[in-house]
Amino acid sequence: MLKEERHFAILNEVALHNRVLLMDLAESLNVSIDTVRRDVKELDADNKLKKVHGGAISLGFTNKSLPNKNIYKLSEKKLIAKKAISLLKENAVIFIDGGTTCMELARLLPEHLKLTCFTLSLTVAMELLDKENITVIFIGGQISNDTQSAIGANAIHNLSEIRVDYSFIGTGYVDAIHGLTEFDWDIVQIKKAVIKSSKKSVLLSISEKLNSQHRYKSCDVNAINTMITELHPENNLLNLFRNNDIRLL
């Protein structure tokens, strides 16, 4: 595989999943870790992604100030966000996760809608502060350099003391059989705590992530009340999920 082809494949994976591991890239491209490390370093130097220890992160995932053109599949994510907004009622108490799709939800929340919104994400919190009718409560804890979100025992404890009407969450990987999964153990513990603190959990995911999985499990698919993609709910790509007692939007 030519270097240009590897770079294209790496950027696609980073854009789709927001965060990727070098070892996963090396395996999928059938090259050495050193080769992938050099590729990621070059892409970082070209300002096409952010190199982090053991992996890479998309620019749209890490920097709120970047223009929307850096967000992968932005139109699809906006459509998902608009569907999610249709679930909200005045004075609802909600949780919004980090990640690019959840960030679009935060951006598109109507100015007139009165809400109380909990979040672990610094970028989501900063976005919501611009909306005067939304009370923003940041759930504190250790801040992850990679995700710019709170993680760890303190964040999990704080989540255990709230009960939100809806949690809007993202995931790195989702599969009808294997559920929601991640490669980051700390993030999985946070996802579990968020779901436990929610009356209803809503997964926001572009369809490209369907039928993908990684090593650590956040929950079974049927632990989620609603899954929102950019697809029509009757699309055949959702058939396996439709059999899992989950609402599709």
C-alpha atoms as a PDB file:
ATOM      1  CA  MET A   1       0.000   0.000   0.000  1.00  0.00           C
ATOM      2  CA  LEU A   2       1.375   3.417  -0.962  1.00  0.00           C
ATOM      3  CA  LYS A   3       1.913   6.019   1.732  1.00  0.00           C
ATOM      4  CA  GLU A   4      -0.815   8.230   0.270  1.00  0.00           C
ATOM      5  CA  GLU A   5      -3.253   5.313   0.476  1.00  0.00           C
ATOM      6  CA  ARG A   6      -2.279   4.649   4.091  1.00  0.00           C
ATOM      7  CA  HIS A   7      -2.749   8.307   4.966  1.00  0.00           C
ATOM      8  CA  PHE A   8      -6.209   8.291   3.390  1.00  0.00           C
ATOM      9  CA  ALA A   9      -7.186   5.141   5.297  1.00  0.00           C
ATOM     10  CA  ILE A  10      -5.844   6.511   8.586  1.00  0.00           C
ATOM     11  CA  LEU A  11      -7.733   9.788   8.197  1.00  0.00           C
ATOM     12  CA  ASN A  12     -10.945   7.887   7.427  1.00  0.00           C
ATOM     13  CA  GLU A  13     -10.620   5.756  10.574  1.00  0.00           C
ATOM     14  CA  VAL A  14      -9.822   8.755  12.750  1.00  0.00           C
ATOM     15  CA  ALA A  15     -12.712  10.748  11.297  1.00  0.00           C
ATOM     16  CA  LEU A  16     -15.173   7.880  11.804  1.00  0.00           C
ATOM     17  CA  HIS A  17     -14.242   6.867  15.349  1.00  0.00           C
ATOM     18  CA  ASN A  18     -12.749  10.177  16.588  1.00  0.00           C
ATOM     19  CA  ARG A  19     -10.031   8.279  18.464  1.00  0.00           C
ATOM     20  CA  VAL A  20      -7.983   5.310  17.198  1.00  0.00           C
ATOM     21  CA  LEU A  21      -5.069   3.240  18.439  1.00  0.00           C
ATOM     22  CA  LEU A  22      -1.844   2.820  16.481  1.00  0.00           C
ATOM     23  CA  MET A  23      -1.989  -0.950  16.981  1.00  0.00           C
ATOM     24  CA  ASP A  24      -5.463  -1.096  15.408  1.00  0.00           C
ATOM     25  CA  LEU A  25      -4.325   0.968  12.441  1.00  0.00           C
ATOM     26  CA  ALA A  26      -1.255  -1.228  11.953  1.00  0.00           C
ATOM     27  CA  GLU A  27      -3.399  -4.364  12.005  1.00  0.00           C
ATOM     28  CA  SER A  28      -6.011  -3.047   9.571  1.00  0.00           C
ATOM     29  CA  LEU A  29      -3.353  -1.723   7.162  1.00  0.00           C
ATOM     30  CA  ASN A  30      -1.127  -4.794   7.577  1.00  0.00           C
ATOM     31  CA  VAL A  31       1.966  -2.706   8.329  1.00  0.00           C
ATOM     32  CA  SER A  32       4.255  -2.264  11.324  1.00  0.00           C
ATOM     33  CA  ILE A  33       3.518  -0.024  14.311  1.00  0.00           C
ATOM     34  CA  ASP A  34       6.574   2.050  13.388  1.00  0.00           C
ATOM     35  CA  THR A  35       5.191   2.690   9.897  1.00  0.00           C
ATOM     36  CA  VAL A  36       1.845   3.820  11.280  1.00  0.00           C
ATOM     37  CA  ARG A  37       3.575   5.959  13.902  1.00  0.00           C
ATOM     38  CA  ARG A  38       5.517   7.763  11.179  1.00  0.00           C
ATOM     39  CA  ASP A  39       2.355   8.227   9.122  1.00  0.00           C
ATOM     40  CA  VAL A  40       0.462   9.687  12.070  1.00  0.00           C
ATOM     41  CA  LYS A  41       3.375  11.983  12.892  1.00  0.00           C
ATOM     42  CA  GLU A  42       3.352  13.305   9.310  1.00  0.00           C
ATOM     43  CA  LEU A  43      -0.415  13.814   9.354  1.00  0.00           C
ATOM     44  CA  ASP A  44      -0.115  15.647  12.665  1.00  0.00           C
ATOM     45  CA  ALA A  45       2.571  17.907  11.173  1.00  0.00           C
ATOM     46  CA  ASP A  46       0.220  18.630   8.263  1.00  0.00           C
ATOM     47  CA  ASN A  47      -2.521  19.550  10.802  1.00  0.00           C
ATOM     48  CA  LYS A  48      -4.841  16.786   9.589  1.00  0.00           C
ATOM     49  CA  LEU A  49      -5.188  15.019  12.958  1.00  0.00           C
ATOM     50  CA  LYS A  50      -3.761  15.192  16.475  1.00  0.00           C
ATOM     51  CA  LYS A  51      -1.130  12.649  17.497  1.00  0.00           C
ATOM     52  CA  VAL A  52      -1.511  11.391  21.081  1.00  0.00           C
ATOM     53  CA  HIS A  53       0.236   8.690  23.088  1.00  0.00           C
ATOM     54  CA  GLY A  54      -0.506   5.373  21.406  1.00  0.00           C
ATOM     55  CA  GLY A  55      -2.923   6.752  18.866  1.00  0.00           C
ATOM     56  CA  ALA A  56      -4.537   9.690  17.107  1.00  0.00           C
ATOM     57  CA  ILE A  57      -7.589  11.934  17.504  1.00  0.00           C
ATOM     58  CA  SER A  58      -9.589  13.862  14.938  1.00  0.00           C
ATOM     59  CA  LEU A  59      -9.214  17.633  14.991  1.00  0.00           C
ATOM     60  CA  GLY A  60     -12.972  18.151  15.139  1.00  0.00           C
ATOM     61  CA  PHE A  61     -13.078  16.044  18.314  1.00  0.00           C
ATOM     62  CA  THR A  62     -10.454  18.053  20.156  1.00  0.00           C
ATOM     63  CA  ASN A  63     -10.990  21.701  19.296  1.00  0.00           C
ATOM     64  CA  LYS A  64     -14.277  23.585  19.598  1.00  0.00           C
ATOM     65  CA  SER A  65     -12.855  26.618  17.807  1.00  0.00           C
ATOM     66  CA  LEU A  66     -12.228  24.780  14.545  1.00  0.00           C
ATOM     67  CA  PRO A  67     -14.737  25.433  11.762  1.00  0.00           C
ATOM     68  CA  ASN A  68     -17.407  22.855  11.047  1.00  0.00           C
ATOM     69  CA  LYS A  69     -15.655  21.714   7.873  1.00  0.00           C
ATOM     70  CA  ASN A  70     -13.381  19.639  10.118  1.00  0.00           C
ATOM     71  CA  ILE A  71     -16.305  17.505  11.327  1.00  0.00           C
ATOM     72  CA  TYR A  72     -16.689  14.191   9.533  1.00  0.00           C
ATOM     73  CA  LYS A  73     -20.150  13.604   8.013  1.00  0.00           C
ATOM     74  CA  LEU A  74     -21.390  16.900   9.431  1.00  0.00           C
ATOM     75  CA  SER A  75     -24.718  16.916   7.570  1.00  0.00           C
ATOM     76  CA  GLU A  76     -25.544  13.434   8.881  1.00  0.00           C
ATOM     77  CA  LYS A  77     -24.631  14.448  12.426  1.00  0.00           C
ATOM     78  CA  LYS A  78     -26.803  17.561  12.185  1.00  0.00           C
ATOM     79  CA  LEU A  79     -29.736  15.407  11.068  1.00  0.00           C
ATOM     80  CA  ILE A  80     -29.181  13.088  14.035  1.00  0.00           C
ATOM     81  CA  ALA A  81     -29.075  16.091  16.377  1.00  0.00           C
ATOM     82  CA  LYS A  82     -32.344  17.460  14.991  1.00  0.00           C
ATOM     83  CA  LYS A  83     -34.026  14.088  15.548  1.00  0.00           C
ATOM     84  CA  ALA A  84     -32.723  14.065  19.117  1.00  0.00           C
ATOM     85  CA  ILE A  85     -34.118  17.542  19.791  1.00  0.00           C
ATOM     86  CA  SER A  86     -37.598  16.247  18.889  1.00  0.00           C
ATOM     87  CA  LEU A  87     -37.515  14.168  22.100  1.00  0.00           C
ATOM     88  CA  LEU A  88     -37.048  17.163  24.385  1.00  0.00           C
ATOM     89  CA  LYS A  89     -39.702  18.917  26.425  1.00  0.00           C
ATOM     90  CA  GLU A  90     -39.600  22.177  28.339  1.00  0.00           C
ATOM     91  CA  ASN A  91     -37.780  21.953  31.696  1.00  0.00           C
ATOM     92  CA  ALA A  92     -36.328  18.523  30.968  1.00  0.00           C
ATOM     93  CA  VAL A  93     -33.177  17.436  32.770  1.00  0.00           C
ATOM     94  CA  ILE A  94     -30.707  15.896  30.339  1.00  0.00           C
ATOM     95  CA  PHE A  95     -27.114  14.721  29.957  1.00  0.00           C
ATOM     96  CA  ILE A  96     -25.051  15.381  26.822  1.00  0.00           C
ATOM     97  CA  ASP A  97     -21.954  13.293  26.175  1.00  0.00           C
ATOM     98  CA  GLY A  98     -18.767  14.428  24.470  1.00  0.00           C
ATOM     99  CA  GLY A  99     -17.929  13.667  20.841  1.00  0.00           C
ATOM    100  CA  THR A 100     -18.729  15.340  17.561  1.00  0.00           C
ATOM    101  CA  THR A 101     -22.335  14.160  17.154  1.00  0.00           C
ATOM    102  CA  CYS A 102     -23.271  15.146  20.699  1.00  0.00           C
ATOM    103  CA  MET A 103     -21.525  18.458  20.111  1.00  0.00           C
ATOM    104  CA  GLU A 104     -23.863  19.108  17.169  1.00  0.00           C
ATOM    105  CA  LEU A 105     -26.791  18.460  19.495  1.00  0.00           C
ATOM    106  CA  ALA A 106     -25.422  21.066  21.908  1.00  0.00           C
ATOM    107  CA  ARG A 107     -24.963  23.567  19.061  1.00  0.00           C
ATOM    108  CA  LEU A 108     -28.466  23.055  17.658  1.00  0.00           C
ATOM    109  CA  LEU A 109     -30.473  23.140  20.893  1.00  0.00           C
ATOM    110  CA  PRO A 110     -33.133  25.841  20.456  1.00  0.00           C
ATOM    111  CA  GLU A 111     -32.430  29.115  22.249  1.00  0.00           C
ATOM    112  CA  HIS A 112     -35.959  29.279  23.697  1.00  0.00           C
ATOM    113  CA  LEU A 113     -35.992  25.772  25.216  1.00  0.00           C
ATOM    114  CA  LYS A 114     -35.537  25.724  29.011  1.00  0.00           C
ATOM    115  CA  LEU A 115     -33.392  22.797  30.084  1.00  0.00           C
ATOM    116  CA  THR A 116     -31.041  21.653  32.789  1.00  0.00           C
ATOM    117  CA  CYS A 117     -28.084  19.978  31.142  1.00  0.00           C
ATOM    118  CA  PHE A 118     -25.381  17.905  32.815  1.00  0.00           C
ATOM    119  CA  THR A 119     -22.196  17.136  30.917  1.00  0.00           C
ATOM    120  CA  LEU A 120     -18.702  15.748  31.437  1.00  0.00           C
ATOM    121  CA  SER A 121     -17.392  17.460  28.309  1.00  0.00           C
ATOM    122  CA  LEU A 122     -15.619  20.807  28.580  1.00  0.00           C
ATOM    123  CA  THR A 123     -16.381  21.645  24.948  1.00  0.00           C
ATOM    124  CA  VAL A 124     -20.084  20.816  25.307  1.00  0.00           C
ATOM    125  CA  ALA A 125     -20.278  22.890  28.506  1.00  0.00           C
ATOM    126  CA  MET A 126     -18.670  25.894  26.807  1.00  0.00           C
ATOM    127  CA  GLU A 127     -21.063  25.608  23.861  1.00  0.00           C
ATOM    128  CA  LEU A 128     -24.114  25.470  26.136  1.00  0.00           C
ATOM    129  CA  LEU A 129     -23.046  28.536  28.103  1.00  0.00           C
ATOM    130  CA  ASP A 130     -24.048  30.628  25.077  1.00  0.00           C
ATOM    131  CA  LYS A 131     -27.705  29.563  25.550  1.00  0.00           C
ATOM    132  CA  GLU A 132     -29.282  31.656  28.310  1.00  0.00           C
ATOM    133  CA  ASN A 133     -32.274  29.332  28.929  1.00  0.00           C
ATOM    134  CA  ILE A 134     -30.088  26.298  29.614  1.00  0.00           C
ATOM    135  CA  THR A 135     -28.721  25.674  33.097  1.00  0.00           C
ATOM    136  CA  VAL A 136     -25.356  23.968  32.639  1.00  0.00           C
ATOM    137  CA  ILE A 137     -23.947  21.674  35.329  1.00  0.00           C
ATOM    138  CA  PHE A 138     -20.463  20.311  34.750  1.00  0.00           C
ATOM    139  CA  ILE A 139     -19.767  16.936  36.320  1.00  0.00           C
ATOM    140  CA  GLY A 140     -16.250  17.290  37.626  1.00  0.00           C
ATOM    141  CA  GLY A 141     -13.399  14.835  37.874  1.00  0.00           C
ATOM    142  CA  GLN A 142     -10.017  14.167  36.347  1.00  0.00           C
ATOM    143  CA  ILE A 143      -9.896  15.751  32.884  1.00  0.00           C
ATOM    144  CA  SER A 144      -8.740  13.480  30.064  1.00  0.00           C
ATOM    145  CA  ASN A 145      -6.185  15.180  27.833  1.00  0.00           C
ATOM    146  CA  ASP A 146      -7.487  13.186  24.869  1.00  0.00           C
ATOM    147  CA  THR A 147     -11.241  13.704  25.185  1.00  0.00           C
ATOM    148  CA  GLN A 148     -11.336  16.950  27.191  1.00  0.00           C
ATOM    149  CA  SER A 149     -13.948  15.290  29.408  1.00  0.00           C
ATOM    150  CA  ALA A 150     -14.090  14.327  33.077  1.00  0.00           C
ATOM    151  CA  ILE A 151     -13.244  10.714  33.890  1.00  0.00           C
ATOM    152  CA  GLY A 152     -12.395   8.697  36.980  1.00  0.00           C
ATOM    153  CA  ALA A 153     -13.913   7.853  40.341  1.00  0.00           C
ATOM    154  CA  ASN A 154     -15.107  11.358  41.224  1.00  0.00           C
ATOM    155  CA  ALA A 155     -17.023  11.730  37.954  1.00  0.00           C
ATOM    156  CA  ILE A 156     -18.604   8.292  38.421  1.00  0.00           C
ATOM    157  CA  HIS A 157     -19.612   9.169  41.998  1.00  0.00           C
ATOM    158  CA  ASN A 158     -21.183  12.454  40.862  1.00  0.00           C
ATOM    159  CA  LEU A 159     -23.142  10.622  38.172  1.00  0.00           C
ATOM    160  CA  SER A 160     -24.497   8.197  40.789  1.00  0.00           C
ATOM    161  CA  GLU A 161     -26.205  11.087  42.554  1.00  0.00           C
ATOM    162  CA  ILE A 162     -28.277  12.376  39.630  1.00  0.00           C
ATOM    163  CA  ARG A 163     -31.199  11.059  37.602  1.00  0.00           C
ATOM    164  CA  VAL A 164     -31.747  12.637  34.196  1.00  0.00           C
ATOM    165  CA  ASP A 165     -34.743  12.296  31.895  1.00  0.00           C
ATOM    166  CA  TYR A 166     -32.575  11.605  28.847  1.00  0.00           C
ATOM    167  CA  SER A 167     -28.883  10.968  28.374  1.00  0.00           C
ATOM    168  CA  PHE A 168     -27.613  11.573  24.861  1.00  0.00           C
ATOM    169  CA  ILE A 169     -24.483   9.521  24.384  1.00  0.00           C
ATOM    170  CA  GLY A 170     -22.054   8.596  21.637  1.00  0.00           C
ATOM    171  CA  THR A 171     -19.962   5.482  21.190  1.00  0.00           C
ATOM    172  CA  GLY A 172     -16.860   4.472  19.315  1.00  0.00           C
ATOM    173  CA  TYR A 173     -18.375   1.212  18.129  1.00  0.00           C
ATOM    174  CA  VAL A 174     -21.854  -0.335  18.083  1.00  0.00           C
ATOM    175  CA  ASP A 175     -23.076  -3.790  17.090  1.00  0.00           C
ATOM    176  CA  ALA A 176     -26.485  -5.451  17.430  1.00  0.00           C
ATOM    177  CA  ILE A 177     -24.938  -8.528  19.073  1.00  0.00           C
ATOM    178  CA  HIS A 178     -21.930  -7.136  20.945  1.00  0.00           C
ATOM    179  CA  GLY A 179     -23.521  -3.852  22.020  1.00  0.00           C
ATOM    180  CA  LEU A 180     -21.703  -0.572  22.595  1.00  0.00           C
ATOM    181  CA  THR A 181     -17.932  -0.937  22.910  1.00  0.00           C
ATOM    182  CA  GLU A 182     -14.803   1.194  23.251  1.00  0.00           C
ATOM    183  CA  PHE A 183     -11.051   0.644  23.427  1.00  0.00           C
ATOM    184  CA  ASP A 184     -10.725   2.919  26.485  1.00  0.00           C
ATOM    185  CA  TRP A 185     -11.526   1.250  29.828  1.00  0.00           C
ATOM    186  CA  ASP A 186     -11.997   4.585  31.648  1.00  0.00           C
ATOM    187  CA  ILE A 187     -14.531   5.781  29.081  1.00  0.00           C
ATOM    188  CA  VAL A 188     -16.475   2.518  29.397  1.00  0.00           C
ATOM    189  CA  GLN A 189     -16.815   3.024  33.160  1.00  0.00           C
ATOM    190  CA  ILE A 190     -18.158   6.528  32.553  1.00  0.00           C
ATOM    191  CA  LYS A 191     -20.652   5.267  29.940  1.00  0.00           C
ATOM    192  CA  LYS A 192     -21.936   2.646  32.385  1.00  0.00           C
ATOM    193  CA  ALA A 193     -22.447   5.300  35.055  1.00  0.00           C
ATOM    194  CA  VAL A 194     -24.238   7.640  32.634  1.00  0.00           C
ATOM    195  CA  ILE A 195     -26.641   4.918  31.506  1.00  0.00           C
ATOM    196  CA  LYS A 196     -27.353   3.951  35.115  1.00  0.00           C
ATOM    197  CA  SER A 197     -28.164   7.580  35.969  1.00  0.00           C
ATOM    198  CA  SER A 198     -30.668   7.949  33.104  1.00  0.00           C
ATOM    199  CA  LYS A 199     -34.368   7.247  32.860  1.00  0.00           C
ATOM    200  CA  LYS A 200     -33.828   6.837  29.126  1.00  0.00           C
ATOM    201  CA  SER A 201     -30.522   6.615  27.242  1.00  0.00           C
ATOM    202  CA  VAL A 202     -30.338   7.757  23.632  1.00  0.00           C
ATOM    203  CA  LEU A 203     -27.472   6.679  21.383  1.00  0.00           C
ATOM    204  CA  LEU A 204     -26.467   9.131  18.668  1.00  0.00           C
ATOM    205  CA  SER A 205     -24.461   7.373  15.955  1.00  0.00           C
ATOM    206  CA  ILE A 206     -23.825   7.728  12.248  1.00  0.00           C
ATOM    207  CA  SER A 207     -24.630   4.518  10.365  1.00  0.00           C
ATOM    208  CA  GLU A 208     -20.993   3.904   9.409  1.00  0.00           C
ATOM    209  CA  LYS A 209     -20.346   2.812  12.978  1.00  0.00           C
ATOM    210  CA  LEU A 210     -22.995   0.081  12.844  1.00  0.00           C
ATOM    211  CA  ASN A 211     -21.706  -3.507  13.025  1.00  0.00           C
ATOM    212  CA  SER A 212     -18.350  -2.509  14.524  1.00  0.00           C
ATOM    213  CA  GLN A 213     -16.869  -3.540  17.855  1.00  0.00           C
ATOM    214  CA  HIS A 214     -13.840  -3.181  20.123  1.00  0.00           C
ATOM    215  CA  ARG A 215     -12.531  -4.801  23.292  1.00  0.00           C
ATOM    216  CA  TYR A 216     -14.427  -3.209  26.219  1.00  0.00           C
ATOM    217  CA  LYS A 217     -18.208  -3.307  26.511  1.00  0.00           C
ATOM    218  CA  SER A 218     -20.233  -0.341  27.736  1.00  0.00           C
ATOM    219  CA  CYS A 219     -23.618  -2.076  27.558  1.00  0.00           C
ATOM    220  CA  ASP A 220     -25.889  -4.340  25.559  1.00  0.00           C
ATOM    221  CA  VAL A 221     -27.856  -2.687  22.783  1.00  0.00           C
ATOM    222  CA  ASN A 222     -31.147  -3.184  24.623  1.00  0.00           C
ATOM    223  CA  ALA A 223     -29.806  -1.147  27.562  1.00  0.00           C
ATOM    224  CA  ILE A 224     -30.345   1.817  25.244  1.00  0.00           C
ATOM    225  CA  ASN A 225     -33.898   3.108  24.963  1.00  0.00           C
ATOM    226  CA  THR A 226     -33.472   4.842  21.583  1.00  0.00           C
ATOM    227  CA  MET A 227     -30.893   4.774  18.799  1.00  0.00           C
ATOM    228  CA  ILE A 228     -30.777   7.697  16.396  1.00  0.00           C
ATOM    229  CA  THR A 229     -28.932   7.526  13.083  1.00  0.00           C
ATOM    230  CA  GLU A 230     -29.216   9.578   9.903  1.00  0.00           C
ATOM    231  CA  LEU A 231     -31.105   6.669   8.296  1.00  0.00           C
ATOM    232  CA  HIS A 232     -34.861   6.268   8.047  1.00  0.00           C
ATOM    233  CA  PRO A 233     -35.994   3.971  10.895  1.00  0.00           C
ATOM    234  CA  GLU A 234     -37.220   1.378   8.373  1.00  0.00           C
ATOM    235  CA  ASN A 235     -33.872   1.151   6.567  1.00  0.00           C
ATOM    236  CA  ASN A 236     -32.751  -2.476   6.166  1.00  0.00           C
ATOM    237  CA  LEU A 237     -29.361  -1.685   7.701  1.00  0.00           C
ATOM    238  CA  LEU A 238     -31.188  -1.349  11.023  1.00  0.00           C
ATOM    239  CA  ASN A 239     -32.946  -4.716  10.882  1.00  0.00           C
ATOM    240  CA  LEU A 240     -30.699  -6.429  13.428  1.00  0.00           C
ATOM    241  CA  PHE A 241     -31.162  -3.554  15.848  1.00  0.00           C
ATOM    242  CA  ARG A 242     -34.915  -3.579  15.339  1.00  0.00           C
ATOM    243  CA  ASN A 243     -34.988  -7.069  16.853  1.00  0.00           C
ATOM    244  CA  ASN A 244     -33.388  -5.868  20.090  1.00  0.00           C
ATOM    245  CA  ASP A 245     -36.286  -4.063  21.757  1.00  0.00           C
ATOM    246  CA  ILE A 246     -34.883  -0.625  20.951  1.00  0.00           C
ATOM    247  CA  ARG A 247     -36.628   2.424  19.521  1.00  0.00           C
ATOM    248  CA  LEU A 248     -35.205   3.641  16.249  1.00  0.00           C
ATOM    249  CA  LEU A 249     -35.370   7.242  15.045  1.00  0.00           C
END
